[in-house]
Each structure stands twice: as structure tokens, then as C-alpha cells.
């Protein structure tokens, strides 16, 4: 019975990692919400790596891959949004 609960716990963590990776990927498309995507992706990455070490599972692997892709893309989008806002502010200042 205890072994079944342990397996169920790993399965639930793998699903959570996958869902958090998907949420991170969705956050890529919403500009400044990329910050939320970075946080969610880090949490999904940690959960997925923990499950991979304890009991390797396909969903955990997919969650890790999605989280890594989302983390990189969200960081890139966030930097691009900040750079764009900075350039717009600079262009407004230059027109004075």
C-alpha cells in the first residue's frame, strides 16, 4: 500500500511538472507575464528533476524539457520587452 502511495506521489509531481512547463510556454506570448513564466518554469524544472532522480517517468521528462524551453524563451522575451520599453523611453526623450 505504501509503495502505491509513493508511486502516486511521483506521478502527481510529474503531472505538476508537465502542467507548469505548459503554463510557462503559454506565458511566452504575453509580454511582461514572461516574468511569471520564468518563476513557473523554475518550479516545474525543480519538480521534474526531482521525479527523474527518484522514479524516471516520461511525463517528468516532458515537463523538464518544456520547463527548460519556457525558461529560455521567457527570459529572452522579458529582456526584449524591457529593451523595447527602454528604447521607446529614450526615443521620447530625444524628441524633446
Protein backbone atom coordinates (compact mmCIF):
# COMPACT_ATOMS: atom_id res chain seq x y z
CA UNK A 1 0.00 0.00 0.00
CA UNK A 2 2.81 2.41 0.91
CA UNK A 3 4.65 1.66 -2.34
CA UNK A 4 1.47 2.51 -4.29
CA UNK A 5 1.20 5.87 -2.50
CA UNK A 6 4.84 6.60 -3.27
CA UNK A 7 4.30 5.83 -6.97
CA UNK A 8 1.19 8.00 -6.97
CA UNK A 9 3.14 10.86 -5.40
CA UNK A 10 5.81 10.68 -8.12
CA UNK A 11 3.12 10.53 -10.79
CA UNK A 12 1.40 13.63 -9.37
CA UNK A 13 4.70 15.53 -9.26
CA UNK A 14 5.40 14.53 -12.86
CA UNK A 15 1.99 15.84 -13.92
CA UNK A 16 2.61 19.07 -11.99
CA UNK A 17 5.97 19.50 -13.74
CA UNK A 18 4.33 19.00 -17.13
CA UNK A 19 1.50 21.45 -16.38
CA UNK A 20 3.91 24.09 -15.08
CA UNK A 21 6.02 23.68 -18.23
CA UNK A 22 2.93 24.21 -20.39
CA UNK A 23 1.95 27.31 -18.38
CA UNK A 24 5.48 28.63 -18.84
CA UNK A 25 5.26 28.13 -22.61
CA UNK A 26 1.91 29.95 -22.71
CA UNK A 27 3.38 32.89 -20.77
CA UNK A 28 5.88 33.48 -23.59
CA UNK A 29 3.19 35.12 -25.69
CA UNK A 30 2.05 37.72 -23.17
CA UNK A 31 4.96 40.16 -22.89
CA UNK A 32 5.60 41.12 -19.29
CA UNK A 33 3.90 37.99 -17.96
CA UNK A 34 7.12 36.30 -19.06
CA UNK A 35 8.30 37.00 -15.50
CA UNK A 36 5.54 34.71 -14.24
CA UNK A 37 6.61 32.18 -16.87
CA UNK A 38 10.18 32.26 -15.55
CA UNK A 39 9.04 31.57 -11.98
CA UNK A 40 6.64 28.81 -13.03
CA UNK A 41 9.26 27.21 -15.28
CA UNK A 42 11.84 27.11 -12.49
CA UNK A 43 9.34 25.38 -10.19
CA UNK A 44 8.42 22.90 -12.95
CA UNK A 45 12.08 22.24 -13.64
CA UNK A 46 12.84 21.50 -9.98
CA UNK A 47 9.84 19.17 -9.67
CA UNK A 48 10.69 17.36 -12.90
CA UNK A 49 14.33 16.84 -11.94
CA UNK A 50 13.30 15.51 -8.50
CA UNK A 51 10.95 12.98 -10.06
CA UNK A 52 13.52 11.98 -12.67
CA UNK A 53 16.02 11.17 -9.90
CA UNK A 54 13.56 9.22 -7.75
CA UNK A 55 11.47 7.37 -10.33
CA UNK A 56 12.12 8.14 -14.02
CA UNK A 57 8.88 8.83 -15.82
CA UNK A 58 8.03 10.07 -19.33
CA UNK A 59 5.82 12.91 -18.13
CA UNK A 60 8.58 14.17 -15.86
CA UNK A 61 11.00 14.19 -18.79
CA UNK A 62 8.49 16.11 -20.90
CA UNK A 63 7.96 18.54 -18.02
CA UNK A 64 11.70 19.14 -17.72
CA UNK A 65 12.06 19.74 -21.46
CA UNK A 66 9.07 22.11 -21.57
CA UNK A 67 10.29 23.95 -18.50
CA UNK A 68 13.77 24.45 -19.98
CA UNK A 69 12.34 25.71 -23.28
CA UNK A 70 9.90 28.00 -21.47
CA UNK A 71 12.60 29.32 -19.13
CA UNK A 72 14.89 30.26 -22.00
CA UNK A 73 12.16 31.75 -24.16
CA UNK A 74 10.55 33.69 -21.29
CA UNK A 75 13.92 35.14 -20.30
CA UNK A 76 14.51 36.21 -23.90
CA UNK A 77 11.04 37.75 -24.23
CA UNK A 78 11.38 39.59 -20.92
CA UNK A 79 14.74 41.07 -21.93
CA UNK A 80 13.28 42.07 -25.31
CA UNK A 81 10.27 43.76 -23.64
CA UNK A 82 12.49 45.69 -21.25
CA UNK A 83 14.82 46.73 -24.08
CA UNK A 84 11.88 47.85 -26.22
CA UNK A 85 10.38 49.91 -23.39
CA UNK A 86 13.78 51.47 -22.74
CA UNK A 87 14.23 52.38 -26.41
CA UNK A 88 10.76 53.93 -26.57
CA UNK A 89 11.52 55.99 -23.50
CA UNK A 90 14.84 57.07 -24.97
CA UNK A 91 13.22 58.00 -28.30
CA UNK A 92 10.64 60.11 -26.44
CA UNK A 93 13.39 61.84 -24.50
CA UNK A 94 15.37 62.54 -27.69
CA UNK A 95 12.39 64.21 -29.37
CA UNK A 96 12.28 66.93 -26.68
